Amino acid sequence: SAFATTAGAAQQCENCRNNVDIELEGFVHLNEVILQKLHTLSPDVVKPYLTENLSLGLKTRKPDGTPADISRDLPSLKVAPFSRQVSQDSPYEIPRLGDATYHHDVLAGKPGHTPEDRW
């Protein structure tokens, strides 16, 4: 989950006013859920599953009480699912992270999708 405030809500507190245009970055780790459902982290299995099932939503309301909508109310949102190889020679060693491989097409046609050329 990632949390942010809207420009309209910035009048309510000094911290909100100071951070109204700040860019946020957040991560939602899906490994545990994927392993429970698919019992593998193989990209050949996971990517089609995420393409079919991954979606984004806003669980908030606008000041007028109506539900917020990603496309209309958060047009600056950029989302890019990615994966990376992790290696670890022993359980006592810090894992080594490989380079990120972005899967921009997983969210194609869905709210929050950001094509590679706009990332």
PDB file of N, CA and C in Angstrom:
ATOM      1  N   SER A   1       0.837  -1.187   0.000  1.00  0.00           N
ATOM      2  CA  SER A   1       0.000   0.000   0.000  1.00  0.00           C
ATOM      3  C   SER A   1       0.872   1.237   0.000  1.00  0.00           C
ATOM      4  N   ALA A   2       0.381   2.266  -0.618  1.00  0.00           N
ATOM      5  CA  ALA A   2       1.040   3.573  -0.590  1.00  0.00           C
ATOM      6  C   ALA A   2      -0.025   4.598  -0.265  1.00  0.00           C
ATOM      7  N   PHE A   3       0.332   5.582   0.510  1.00  0.00           N
ATOM      8  CA  PHE A   3      -0.637   6.581   0.929  1.00  0.00           C
ATOM      9  C   PHE A   3      -0.162   7.966   0.532  1.00  0.00           C
ATOM     10  N   ALA A   4      -1.081   8.804   0.121  1.00  0.00           N
ATOM     11  CA  ALA A   4      -0.767  10.179  -0.263  1.00  0.00           C
ATOM     12  C   ALA A   4      -1.991  11.030   0.003  1.00  0.00           C
ATOM     13  N   THR A   5      -1.793  12.323  -0.001  1.00  0.00           N
ATOM     14  CA  THR A   5      -2.904  13.246   0.198  1.00  0.00           C
ATOM     15  C   THR A   5      -3.151  14.014  -1.091  1.00  0.00           C
ATOM     16  N   THR A   6      -4.326  14.523  -1.248  1.00  0.00           N
ATOM     17  CA  THR A   6      -4.644  15.307  -2.440  1.00  0.00           C
ATOM     18  C   THR A   6      -4.312  16.765  -2.196  1.00  0.00           C
ATOM     19  N   ALA A   7      -4.148  17.507  -3.262  1.00  0.00           N
ATOM     20  CA  ALA A   7      -3.838  18.928  -3.136  1.00  0.00           C
ATOM     21  C   ALA A   7      -4.915  19.654  -2.343  1.00  0.00           C
ATOM     22  N   GLY A   8      -6.166  19.271  -2.516  1.00  0.00           N
ATOM     23  CA  GLY A   8      -7.262  19.919  -1.800  1.00  0.00           C
ATOM     24  C   GLY A   8      -7.199  19.697  -0.302  1.00  0.00           C
ATOM     25  N   ALA A   9      -6.642  18.561   0.116  1.00  0.00           N
ATOM     26  CA  ALA A   9      -6.542  18.262   1.542  1.00  0.00           C
ATOM     27  C   ALA A   9      -5.350  18.954   2.188  1.00  0.00           C
ATOM     28  N   ALA A  10      -4.494  19.564   1.389  1.00  0.00           N
ATOM     29  CA  ALA A  10      -3.276  20.174   1.914  1.00  0.00           C
ATOM     30  C   ALA A  10      -3.543  21.340   2.843  1.00  0.00           C
ATOM     31  N   GLN A  11      -4.696  21.946   2.763  1.00  0.00           N
ATOM     32  CA  GLN A  11      -5.003  23.084   3.625  1.00  0.00           C
ATOM     33  C   GLN A  11      -5.183  22.659   5.077  1.00  0.00           C
ATOM     34  N   GLN A  12      -5.351  21.381   5.332  1.00  0.00           N
ATOM     35  CA  GLN A  12      -5.673  20.907   6.676  1.00  0.00           C
ATOM     36  C   GLN A  12      -4.487  20.848   7.629  1.00  0.00           C
ATOM     37  N   CYS A  13      -3.273  20.747   7.127  1.00  0.00           N
ATOM     38  CA  CYS A  13      -2.128  20.678   8.044  1.00  0.00           C
ATOM     39  C   CYS A  13      -0.880  21.225   7.368  1.00  0.00           C
ATOM     40  N   GLU A  14       0.057  21.706   8.183  1.00  0.00           N
ATOM     41  CA  GLU A  14       1.285  22.292   7.653  1.00  0.00           C
ATOM     42  C   GLU A  14       2.119  21.253   6.915  1.00  0.00           C
ATOM     43  N   ASN A  15       2.232  20.043   7.471  1.00  0.00           N
ATOM     44  CA  ASN A  15       2.993  18.989   6.818  1.00  0.00           C
ATOM     45  C   ASN A  15       2.426  18.686   5.434  1.00  0.00           C
ATOM     46  N   CYS A  16       1.095  18.672   5.315  1.00  0.00           N
ATOM     47  CA  CYS A  16       0.454  18.430   4.016  1.00  0.00           C
ATOM     48  C   CYS A  16       0.798  19.545   3.033  1.00  0.00           C
ATOM     49  N   ARG A  17       0.772  20.786   3.491  1.00  0.00           N
ATOM     50  CA  ARG A  17       1.103  21.922   2.611  1.00  0.00           C
ATOM     51  C   ARG A  17       2.556  21.843   2.156  1.00  0.00           C
ATOM     52  N   ASN A  18       3.454  21.426   3.039  1.00  0.00           N
ATOM     53  CA  ASN A  18       4.875  21.341   2.697  1.00  0.00           C
ATOM     54  C   ASN A  18       5.170  20.212   1.712  1.00  0.00           C
ATOM     55  N   ASN A  19       4.327  19.197   1.679  1.00  0.00           N
ATOM     56  CA  ASN A  19       4.599  18.011   0.859  1.00  0.00           C
ATOM     57  C   ASN A  19       3.601  17.788  -0.262  1.00  0.00           C
ATOM     58  N   VAL A  20       2.847  18.811  -0.626  1.00  0.00           N
ATOM     59  CA  VAL A  20       1.763  18.633  -1.593  1.00  0.00           C
ATOM     60  C   VAL A  20       2.253  18.139  -2.960  1.00  0.00           C
ATOM     61  N   ASP A  21       3.428  18.540  -3.409  1.00  0.00           N
ATOM     62  CA  ASP A  21       3.910  18.130  -4.730  1.00  0.00           C
ATOM     63  C   ASP A  21       5.014  17.076  -4.668  1.00  0.00           C
ATOM     64  N   ILE A  22       5.171  16.450  -3.529  1.00  0.00           N
ATOM     65  CA  ILE A  22       6.228  15.458  -3.385  1.00  0.00           C
ATOM     66  C   ILE A  22       5.888  14.201  -4.196  1.00  0.00           C
ATOM     67  N   GLU A  23       6.913  13.586  -4.764  1.00  0.00           N
ATOM     68  CA  GLU A  23       6.715  12.349  -5.520  1.00  0.00           C
ATOM     69  C   GLU A  23       6.960  11.171  -4.589  1.00  0.00           C
ATOM     70  N   LEU A  24       6.009  10.262  -4.537  1.00  0.00           N
ATOM     71  CA  LEU A  24       6.103   9.093  -3.666  1.00  0.00           C
ATOM     72  C   LEU A  24       6.469   7.859  -4.465  1.00  0.00           C
ATOM     73  N   GLU A  25       7.212   6.978  -3.822  1.00  0.00           N
ATOM     74  CA  GLU A  25       7.512   5.687  -4.423  1.00  0.00           C
ATOM     75  C   GLU A  25       7.185   4.625  -3.394  1.00  0.00           C
ATOM     76  N   GLY A  26       6.514   3.594  -3.819  1.00  0.00           N
ATOM     77  CA  GLY A  26       6.172   2.519  -2.901  1.00  0.00           C
ATOM     78  C   GLY A  26       6.194   1.183  -3.612  1.00  0.00           C
ATOM     79  N   PHE A  27       6.283   0.143  -2.834  1.00  0.00           N
ATOM     80  CA  PHE A  27       6.338  -1.201  -3.382  1.00  0.00           C
ATOM     81  C   PHE A  27       5.311  -2.073  -2.682  1.00  0.00           C
ATOM     82  N   VAL A  28       4.665  -2.919  -3.435  1.00  0.00           N
ATOM     83  CA  VAL A  28       3.763  -3.919  -2.880  1.00  0.00           C
ATOM     84  C   VAL A  28       4.340  -5.273  -3.289  1.00  0.00           C
ATOM     85  N   HIS A  29       4.832  -6.010  -2.313  1.00  0.00           N
ATOM     86  CA  HIS A  29       5.460  -7.301  -2.585  1.00  0.00           C
ATOM     87  C   HIS A  29       4.381  -8.375  -2.714  1.00  0.00           C
ATOM     88  N   LEU A  30       4.437  -9.125  -3.796  1.00  0.00           N
ATOM     89  CA  LEU A  30       3.397 -10.110  -4.106  1.00  0.00           C
ATOM     90  C   LEU A  30       3.859 -11.556  -3.968  1.00  0.00           C
ATOM     91  N   ASN A  31       5.130 -11.777  -3.629  1.00  0.00           N
ATOM     92  CA  ASN A  31       5.680 -13.135  -3.631  1.00  0.00           C
ATOM     93  C   ASN A  31       4.865 -14.120  -2.800  1.00  0.00           C
ATOM     94  N   GLU A  32       4.525 -13.765  -1.567  1.00  0.00           N
ATOM     95  CA  GLU A  32       3.805 -14.708  -0.701  1.00  0.00           C
ATOM     96  C   GLU A  32       2.444 -15.083  -1.281  1.00  0.00           C
ATOM     97  N   VAL A  33       1.718 -14.099  -1.779  1.00  0.00           N
ATOM     98  CA  VAL A  33       0.397 -14.364  -2.358  1.00  0.00           C
ATOM     99  C   VAL A  33       0.530 -15.210  -3.619  1.00  0.00           C
ATOM    100  N   ILE A  34       1.519 -14.890  -4.445  1.00  0.00           N
ATOM    101  CA  ILE A  34       1.736 -15.657  -5.675  1.00  0.00           C
ATOM    102  C   ILE A  34       2.079 -17.106  -5.340  1.00  0.00           C
ATOM    103  N   LEU A  35       2.957 -17.310  -4.366  1.00  0.00           N
ATOM    104  CA  LEU A  35       3.323 -18.682  -3.985  1.00  0.00           C
ATOM    105  C   LEU A  35       2.127 -19.453  -3.432  1.00  0.00           C
ATOM    106  N   GLN A  36       1.260 -18.790  -2.680  1.00  0.00           N
ATOM    107  CA  GLN A  36       0.063 -19.463  -2.165  1.00  0.00           C
ATOM    108  C   GLN A  36      -0.860 -19.902  -3.301  1.00  0.00           C
ATOM    109  N   LYS A  37      -0.987 -19.054  -4.311  1.00  0.00           N
ATOM    110  CA  LYS A  37      -1.898 -19.341  -5.432  1.00  0.00           C
ATOM    111  C   LYS A  37      -1.283 -20.283  -6.462  1.00  0.00           C
ATOM    112  N   LEU A  38      -0.033 -20.002  -6.851  1.00  0.00           N
ATOM    113  CA  LEU A  38       0.571 -20.689  -7.989  1.00  0.00           C
ATOM    114  C   LEU A  38       1.641 -21.713  -7.609  1.00  0.00           C
ATOM    115  N   HIS A  39       2.170 -21.636  -6.398  1.00  0.00           N
ATOM    116  CA  HIS A  39       3.208 -22.543  -5.909  1.00  0.00           C
ATOM    117  C   HIS A  39       4.496 -22.461  -6.719  1.00  0.00           C
ATOM    118  N   THR A  40       4.711 -21.354  -7.392  1.00  0.00           N
ATOM    119  CA  THR A  40       5.937 -21.124  -8.152  1.00  0.00           C
ATOM    120  C   THR A  40       6.107 -19.625  -8.364  1.00  0.00           C
ATOM    121  N   LEU A  41       7.357 -19.227  -8.581  1.00  0.00           N
ATOM    122  CA  LEU A  41       7.638 -17.839  -8.962  1.00  0.00           C
ATOM    123  C   LEU A  41       8.196 -17.779 -10.381  1.00  0.00           C
ATOM    124  N   SER A  42       8.013 -18.837 -11.131  1.00  0.00           N
ATOM    125  CA  SER A  42       8.497 -18.892 -12.505  1.00  0.00           C
ATOM    126  C   SER A  42       7.822 -17.803 -13.343  1.00  0.00           C
ATOM    127  N   PRO A  43       8.610 -16.950 -14.001  1.00  0.00           N
ATOM    128  CA  PRO A  43       8.022 -15.887 -14.819  1.00  0.00           C
ATOM    129  C   PRO A  43       7.057 -16.399 -15.884  1.00  0.00           C
ATOM    130  N   ASP A  44       7.297 -17.604 -16.410  1.00  0.00           N
ATOM    131  CA  ASP A  44       6.409 -18.165 -17.435  1.00  0.00           C
ATOM    132  C   ASP A  44       5.006 -18.440 -16.892  1.00  0.00           C
ATOM    133  N   VAL A  45       4.888 -18.637 -15.592  1.00  0.00           N
ATOM    134  CA  VAL A  45       3.596 -18.892 -14.954  1.00  0.00           C
ATOM    135  C   VAL A  45       3.031 -17.609 -14.346  1.00  0.00           C
ATOM    136  N   VAL A  46       3.905 -16.840 -13.692  1.00  0.00           N
ATOM    137  CA  VAL A  46       3.457 -15.660 -12.944  1.00  0.00           C
ATOM    138  C   VAL A  46       2.989 -14.529 -13.850  1.00  0.00           C
ATOM    139  N   LYS A  47       3.726 -14.254 -14.910  1.00  0.00           N
ATOM    140  CA  LYS A  47       3.373 -13.104 -15.756  1.00  0.00           C
ATOM    141  C   LYS A  47       1.978 -13.239 -16.375  1.00  0.00           C
ATOM    142  N   PRO A  48       1.612 -14.381 -16.966  1.00  0.00           N
ATOM    143  CA  PRO A  48       0.238 -14.501 -17.484  1.00  0.00           C
ATOM    144  C   PRO A  48      -0.814 -14.385 -16.376  1.00  0.00           C
ATOM    145  N   TYR A  49      -0.504 -14.930 -15.207  1.00  0.00           N
ATOM    146  CA  TYR A  49      -1.450 -14.842 -14.087  1.00  0.00           C
ATOM    147  C   TYR A  49      -1.668 -13.379 -13.688  1.00  0.00           C
ATOM    148  N   LEU A  50      -0.584 -12.612 -13.561  1.00  0.00           N
ATOM    149  CA  LEU A  50      -0.718 -11.201 -13.189  1.00  0.00           C
ATOM    150  C   LEU A  50      -1.411 -10.399 -14.287  1.00  0.00           C
ATOM    151  N   THR A  51      -1.122 -10.702 -15.537  1.00  0.00           N
ATOM    152  CA  THR A  51      -1.780 -10.005 -16.642  1.00  0.00           C
ATOM    153  C   THR A  51      -3.294 -10.183 -16.551  1.00  0.00           C
ATOM    154  N   GLU A  52      -3.722 -11.358 -16.175  1.00  0.00           N
ATOM    155  CA  GLU A  52      -5.154 -11.654 -16.061  1.00  0.00           C
ATOM    156  C   GLU A  52      -5.775 -11.099 -14.777  1.00  0.00           C
ATOM    157  N   ASN A  53      -5.018 -11.097 -13.677  1.00  0.00           N
ATOM    158  CA  ASN A  53      -5.628 -10.843 -12.369  1.00  0.00           C
ATOM    159  C   ASN A  53      -5.191  -9.584 -11.628  1.00  0.00           C
ATOM    160  N   LEU A  54      -4.070  -8.983 -11.998  1.00  0.00           N
ATOM    161  CA  LEU A  54      -3.585  -7.813 -11.258  1.00  0.00           C
ATOM    162  C   LEU A  54      -4.373  -6.568 -11.646  1.00  0.00           C
ATOM    163  N   SER A  55      -4.835  -5.853 -10.647  1.00  0.00           N
ATOM    164  CA  SER A  55      -5.526  -4.587 -10.891  1.00  0.00           C
ATOM    165  C   SER A  55      -5.234  -3.649  -9.729  1.00  0.00           C
ATOM    166  N   LEU A  56      -5.513  -2.387  -9.937  1.00  0.00           N
ATOM    167  CA  LEU A  56      -5.276  -1.362  -8.925  1.00  0.00           C
ATOM    168  C   LEU A  56      -6.586  -0.708  -8.573  1.00  0.00           C
ATOM    169  N   GLY A  57      -6.658  -0.213  -7.367  1.00  0.00           N
ATOM    170  CA  GLY A  57      -7.862   0.498  -6.963  1.00  0.00           C
ATOM    171  C   GLY A  57      -7.554   1.523  -5.897  1.00  0.00           C
ATOM    172  N   LEU A  58      -8.415   2.496  -5.786  1.00  0.00           N
ATOM    173  CA  LEU A  58      -8.317   3.501  -4.733  1.00  0.00           C
ATOM    174  C   LEU A  58      -9.386   3.209  -3.698  1.00  0.00           C
ATOM    175  N   LYS A  59      -8.999   3.187  -2.459  1.00  0.00           N
ATOM    176  CA  LYS A  59      -9.969   2.969  -1.378  1.00  0.00           C
ATOM    177  C   LYS A  59     -10.073   4.261  -0.586  1.00  0.00           C
ATOM    178  N   THR A  60     -10.608   5.263  -1.230  1.00  0.00           N
ATOM    179  CA  THR A  60     -10.767   6.563  -0.590  1.00  0.00           C
ATOM    180  C   THR A  60     -11.937   7.282  -1.227  1.00  0.00           C
ATOM    181  N   ARG A  61     -12.310   8.352  -0.622  1.00  0.00           N
ATOM    182  CA  ARG A  61     -13.401   9.170  -1.150  1.00  0.00           C
ATOM    183  C   ARG A  61     -12.905  10.589  -1.352  1.00  0.00           C
ATOM    184  N   LYS A  62     -13.508  11.243  -2.308  1.00  0.00           N
ATOM    185  CA  LYS A  62     -13.200  12.646  -2.559  1.00  0.00           C
ATOM    186  C   LYS A  62     -13.894  13.489  -1.489  1.00  0.00           C
ATOM    187  N   PRO A  63     -13.500  14.761  -1.367  1.00  0.00           N
ATOM    188  CA  PRO A  63     -14.118  15.622  -0.347  1.00  0.00           C
ATOM    189  C   PRO A  63     -15.644  15.679  -0.421  1.00  0.00           C
ATOM    190  N   ASP A  64     -16.215  15.461  -1.618  1.00  0.00           N
ATOM    191  CA  ASP A  64     -17.682  15.503  -1.732  1.00  0.00           C
ATOM    192  C   ASP A  64     -18.343  14.175  -1.343  1.00  0.00           C
ATOM    193  N   GLY A  65     -17.525  13.185  -0.945  1.00  0.00           N
ATOM    194  CA  GLY A  65     -18.064  11.907  -0.489  1.00  0.00           C
ATOM    195  C   GLY A  65     -18.160  10.832  -1.552  1.00  0.00           C
ATOM    196  N   THR A  66     -17.942  11.182  -2.819  1.00  0.00           N
ATOM    197  CA  THR A  66     -18.013  10.180  -3.883  1.00  0.00           C
ATOM    198  C   THR A  66     -16.708   9.387  -3.940  1.00  0.00           C
ATOM    199  N   PRO A  67     -16.762   8.140  -4.409  1.00  0.00           N
ATOM    200  CA  PRO A  67     -15.544   7.328  -4.493  1.00  0.00           C
ATOM    201  C   PRO A  67     -14.536   7.941  -5.464  1.00  0.00           C
ATOM    202  N   ALA A  68     -13.259   7.846  -5.115  1.00  0.00           N
ATOM    203  CA  ALA A  68     -12.197   8.320  -6.002  1.00  0.00           C
ATOM    204  C   ALA A  68     -11.985   7.305  -7.124  1.00  0.00           C
ATOM    205  N   ASP A  69     -11.551   7.792  -8.270  1.00  0.00           N
ATOM    206  CA  ASP A  69     -11.311   6.970  -9.451  1.00  0.00           C
ATOM    207  C   ASP A  69      -9.883   7.234  -9.925  1.00  0.00           C
ATOM    208  N   ILE A  70      -9.111   6.172 -10.135  1.00  0.00           N
ATOM    209  CA  ILE A  70      -7.709   6.332 -10.519  1.00  0.00           C
ATOM    210  C   ILE A  70      -7.564   7.169 -11.781  1.00  0.00           C
ATOM    211  N   SER A  71      -8.275   6.826 -12.826  1.00  0.00           N
ATOM    212  CA  SER A  71      -8.106   7.500 -14.119  1.00  0.00           C
ATOM    213  C   SER A  71      -8.419   8.986 -14.047  1.00  0.00           C
ATOM    214  N   ARG A  72      -9.479   9.352 -13.332  1.00  0.00           N
ATOM    215  CA  ARG A  72      -9.880  10.762 -13.257  1.00  0.00           C
ATOM    216  C   ARG A  72      -9.178  11.524 -12.142  1.00  0.00           C
ATOM    217  N   ASP A  73      -9.032  10.895 -10.980  1.00  0.00           N
ATOM    218  CA  ASP A  73      -8.587  11.615  -9.794  1.00  0.00           C
ATOM    219  C   ASP A  73      -7.109  11.447  -9.468  1.00  0.00           C
ATOM    220  N   LEU A  74      -6.438  10.529 -10.121  1.00  0.00           N
ATOM    221  CA  LEU A  74      -5.015  10.316  -9.877  1.00  0.00           C
ATOM    222  C   LEU A  74      -4.297  10.057 -11.201  1.00  0.00           C
ATOM    223  N   PRO A  75      -4.412  10.992 -12.152  1.00  0.00           N
ATOM    224  CA  PRO A  75      -3.835  10.761 -13.477  1.00  0.00           C
ATOM    225  C   PRO A  75      -2.308  10.695 -13.481  1.00  0.00           C
ATOM    226  N   SER A  76      -1.651  11.177 -12.433  1.00  0.00           N
ATOM    227  CA  SER A  76      -0.189  11.148 -12.391  1.00  0.00           C
ATOM    228  C   SER A  76       0.360   9.806 -11.900  1.00  0.00           C
ATOM    229  N   LEU A  77      -0.512   8.876 -11.503  1.00  0.00           N
ATOM    230  CA  LEU A  77      -0.065   7.582 -11.000  1.00  0.00           C
ATOM    231  C   LEU A  77       0.682   6.818 -12.087  1.00  0.00           C
ATOM    232  N   LYS A  78       1.861   6.305 -11.728  1.00  0.00           N
ATOM    233  CA  LYS A  78       2.645   5.464 -12.628  1.00  0.00           C
ATOM    234  C   LYS A  78       2.919   4.151 -11.905  1.00  0.00           C
ATOM    235  N   VAL A  79       2.578   3.052 -12.549  1.00  0.00           N
ATOM    236  CA  VAL A  79       2.779   1.736 -11.952  1.00  0.00           C
ATOM    237  C   VAL A  79       3.533   0.865 -12.946  1.00  0.00           C
ATOM    238  N   ALA A  80       4.525   0.131 -12.443  1.00  0.00           N
ATOM    239  CA  ALA A  80       5.287  -0.774 -13.298  1.00  0.00           C
ATOM    240  C   ALA A  80       5.646  -2.028 -12.508  1.00  0.00           C
ATOM    241  N   PRO A  81       4.947  -3.126 -12.745  1.00  0.00           N
ATOM    242  CA  PRO A  81       5.344  -4.380 -12.101  1.00  0.00           C
ATOM    243  C   PRO A  81       6.749  -4.768 -12.570  1.00  0.00           C
ATOM    244  N   PHE A  82       7.535  -5.317 -11.651  1.00  0.00           N
ATOM    245  CA  PHE A  82       8.864  -5.781 -12.038  1.00  0.00           C
ATOM    246  C   PHE A  82       9.229  -7.015 -11.231  1.00  0.00           C
ATOM    247  N   SER A  83      10.225  -7.716 -11.742  1.00  0.00           N
ATOM    248  CA  SER A  83      10.746  -8.894 -11.049  1.00  0.00           C
ATOM    249  C   SER A  83      12.263  -8.800 -11.051  1.00  0.00           C
ATOM    250  N   ARG A  84      12.864  -9.573 -10.182  1.00  0.00           N
ATOM    251  CA  ARG A  84      14.329  -9.650 -10.160  1.00  0.00           C
ATOM    252  C   ARG A  84      14.749 -10.975  -9.548  1.00  0.00           C
ATOM    253  N   GLN A  85      15.879 -11.457 -10.005  1.00  0.00           N
ATOM    254  CA  GLN A  85      16.445 -12.674  -9.443  1.00  0.00           C
ATOM    255  C   GLN A  85      17.115 -12.331  -8.113  1.00  0.00           C
ATOM    256  N   VAL A  86      16.972 -13.215  -7.157  1.00  0.00           N
ATOM    257  CA  VAL A  86      17.612 -13.055  -5.853  1.00  0.00           C
ATOM    258  C   VAL A  86      18.431 -14.307  -5.606  1.00  0.00           C
ATOM    259  N   SER A  87      19.688 -14.122  -5.207  1.00  0.00           N
ATOM    260  CA  SER A  87      20.526 -15.284  -4.905  1.00  0.00           C
ATOM    261  C   SER A  87      21.099 -15.150  -3.498  1.00  0.00           C
ATOM    262  N   GLN A  88      21.319 -16.306  -2.883  1.00  0.00           N
ATOM    263  CA  GLN A  88      21.826 -16.347  -1.517  1.00  0.00           C
ATOM    264  C   GLN A  88      22.511 -17.697  -1.340  1.00  0.00           C
ATOM    265  N   ASP A  89      23.812 -17.679  -1.046  1.00  0.00           N
ATOM    266  CA  ASP A  89      24.554 -18.931  -0.913  1.00  0.00           C
ATOM    267  C   ASP A  89      24.247 -19.671   0.383  1.00  0.00           C
ATOM    268  N   SER A  90      23.920 -18.930   1.425  1.00  0.00           N
ATOM    269  CA  SER A  90      23.567 -19.557   2.698  1.00  0.00           C
ATOM    270  C   SER A  90      22.502 -18.711   3.388  1.00  0.00           C
ATOM    271  N   PRO A  91      21.749 -19.305   4.309  1.00  0.00           N
ATOM    272  CA  PRO A  91      20.704 -18.535   4.995  1.00  0.00           C
ATOM    273  C   PRO A  91      21.268 -17.436   5.896  1.00  0.00           C
ATOM    274  N   TYR A  92      22.572 -17.444   6.121  1.00  0.00           N
ATOM    275  CA  TYR A  92      23.206 -16.448   6.989  1.00  0.00           C
ATOM    276  C   TYR A  92      23.798 -15.287   6.198  1.00  0.00           C
ATOM    277  N   GLU A  93      23.670 -15.351   4.901  1.00  0.00           N
ATOM    278  CA  GLU A  93      24.236 -14.332   4.017  1.00  0.00           C
ATOM    279  C   GLU A  93      23.138 -13.376   3.561  1.00  0.00           C
ATOM    280  N   ILE A  94      23.502 -12.131   3.378  1.00  0.00           N
ATOM    281  CA  ILE A  94      22.550 -11.149   2.852  1.00  0.00           C
ATOM    282  C   ILE A  94      22.261 -11.495   1.390  1.00  0.00           C
ATOM    283  N   PRO A  95      20.996 -11.557   0.994  1.00  0.00           N
ATOM    284  CA  PRO A  95      20.667 -11.876  -0.406  1.00  0.00           C
ATOM    285  C   PRO A  95      21.237 -10.839  -1.374  1.00  0.00           C
ATOM    286  N   ARG A  96      21.613 -11.312  -2.551  1.00  0.00           N
ATOM    287  CA  ARG A  96      22.090 -10.435  -3.626  1.00  0.00           C
ATOM    288  C   ARG A  96      20.955 -10.273  -4.629  1.00  0.00           C
ATOM    289  N   LEU A  97      20.648  -9.021  -4.954  1.00  0.00           N
ATOM    290  CA  LEU A  97      19.546  -8.727  -5.874  1.00  0.00           C
ATOM    291  C   LEU A  97      20.065  -8.521  -7.283  1.00  0.00           C
ATOM    292  N   GLY A  98      19.439  -9.174  -8.240  1.00  0.00           N
ATOM    293  CA  GLY A  98      19.762  -8.959  -9.641  1.00  0.00           C
ATOM    294  C   GLY A  98      19.087  -7.692 -10.148  1.00  0.00           C
ATOM    295  N   ASP A  99      19.313  -7.376 -11.400  1.00  0.00           N
ATOM    296  CA  ASP A  99      18.690  -6.199 -12.009  1.00  0.00           C
ATOM    297  C   ASP A  99      17.180  -6.398 -12.129  1.00  0.00           C
ATOM    298  N   ALA A 100      16.465  -5.302 -12.044  1.00  0.00           N
ATOM    299  CA  ALA A 100      15.008  -5.342 -12.193  1.00  0.00           C
ATOM    300  C   ALA A 100      14.642  -5.552 -13.658  1.00  0.00           C
ATOM    301  N   THR A 101      13.680  -6.428 -13.900  1.00  0.00           N
ATOM    302  CA  THR A 101      13.089  -6.617 -15.220  1.00  0.00           C
ATOM    303  C   THR A 101      11.659  -6.101 -15.127  1.00  0.00           C
ATOM    304  N   TYR A 102      11.369  -5.042 -15.863  1.00  0.00           N
ATOM    305  CA  TYR A 102      10.039  -4.430 -15.800  1.00  0.00           C
ATOM    306  C   TYR A 102       9.078  -5.140 -16.743  1.00  0.00           C
ATOM    307  N   HIS A 103       7.844  -5.258 -16.303  1.00  0.00           N
ATOM    308  CA  HIS A 103       6.791  -5.926 -17.070  1.00  0.00           C
ATOM    309  C   HIS A 103       5.654  -4.924 -17.297  1.00  0.00           C
ATOM    310  N   HIS A 104       5.947  -3.898 -18.080  1.00  0.00           N
ATOM    311  CA  HIS A 104       4.983  -2.815 -18.311  1.00  0.00           C
ATOM    312  C   HIS A 104       3.678  -3.312 -18.929  1.00  0.00           C
ATOM    313  N   ASP A 105       3.747  -4.363 -19.719  1.00  0.00           N
ATOM    314  CA  ASP A 105       2.557  -4.847 -20.425  1.00  0.00           C
ATOM    315  C   ASP A 105       1.551  -5.563 -19.519  1.00  0.00           C
ATOM    316  N   VAL A 106       1.933  -5.931 -18.305  1.00  0.00           N
ATOM    317  CA  VAL A 106       1.027  -6.650 -17.399  1.00  0.00           C
ATOM    318  C   VAL A 106      -0.234  -5.839 -17.103  1.00  0.00           C
ATOM    319  N   LEU A 107      -0.114  -4.531 -17.009  1.00  0.00           N
ATOM    320  CA  LEU A 107      -1.269  -3.684 -16.688  1.00  0.00           C
ATOM    321  C   LEU A 107      -1.863  -2.987 -17.915  1.00  0.00           C
ATOM    322  N   ALA A 108      -1.452  -3.369 -19.101  1.00  0.00           N
ATOM    323  CA  ALA A 108      -1.950  -2.713 -20.318  1.00  0.00           C
ATOM    324  C   ALA A 108      -3.476  -2.679 -20.335  1.00  0.00           C
ATOM    325  N   GLY A 109      -4.017  -1.494 -20.584  1.00  0.00           N
ATOM    326  CA  GLY A 109      -5.458  -1.315 -20.657  1.00  0.00           C
ATOM    327  C   GLY A 109      -6.143  -1.159 -19.312  1.00  0.00           C
ATOM    328  N   LYS A 110      -5.373  -1.168 -18.226  1.00  0.00           N
ATOM    329  CA  LYS A 110      -5.948  -1.042 -16.883  1.00  0.00           C
ATOM    330  C   LYS A 110      -5.518   0.286 -16.263  1.00  0.00           C
ATOM    331  N   PRO A 111      -6.298   0.812 -15.321  1.00  0.00           N
ATOM    332  CA  PRO A 111      -5.900   2.052 -14.646  1.00  0.00           C
ATOM    333  C   PRO A 111      -4.523   1.911 -13.998  1.00  0.00           C
ATOM    334  N   GLY A 112      -3.709   2.956 -14.119  1.00  0.00           N
ATOM    335  CA  GLY A 112      -2.368   2.950 -13.553  1.00  0.00           C
ATOM    336  C   GLY A 112      -1.295   2.470 -14.507  1.00  0.00           C
ATOM    337  N   HIS A 113      -1.703   1.861 -15.646  1.00  0.00           N
ATOM    338  CA  HIS A 113      -0.722   1.360 -16.609  1.00  0.00           C
ATOM    339  C   HIS A 113       0.144   2.500 -17.125  1.00  0.00           C
ATOM    340  N   THR A 114       1.445   2.280 -17.115  1.00  0.00           N
ATOM    341  CA  THR A 114       2.385   3.252 -17.660  1.00  0.00           C
ATOM    342  C   THR A 114       3.232   2.543 -18.702  1.00  0.00           C
ATOM    343  N   PRO A 115       3.070   2.892 -19.976  1.00  0.00           N
ATOM    344  CA  PRO A 115       3.883   2.257 -21.015  1.00  0.00           C
ATOM    345  C   PRO A 115       5.370   2.534 -20.774  1.00  0.00           C
ATOM    346  N   GLU A 116       6.197   1.637 -21.254  1.00  0.00           N
ATOM    347  CA  GLU A 116       7.643   1.755 -21.051  1.00  0.00           C
ATOM    348  C   GLU A 116       8.187   3.099 -21.527  1.00  0.00           C
ATOM    349  N   ASP A 117       7.687   3.614 -22.640  1.00  0.00           N
ATOM    350  CA  ASP A 117       8.216   4.875 -23.182  1.00  0.00           C
ATOM    351  C   ASP A 117       7.819   6.095 -22.347  1.00  0.00           C
ATOM    352  N   ARG A 118       6.887   5.945 -21.396  1.00  0.00           N
ATOM    353  CA  ARG A 118       6.502   7.055 -20.519  1.00  0.00           C
ATOM    354  C   ARG A 118       7.049   6.886 -19.109  1.00  0.00           C
ATOM    355  N   TRP A 119       7.795   5.817 -18.876  1.00  0.00           N
ATOM    356  CA  TRP A 119       8.329   5.539 -17.551  1.00  0.00           C
ATOM    357  C   TRP A 119       9.504   6.386 -17.334  1.00  0.00           C
TER     358      TRP A 119
END
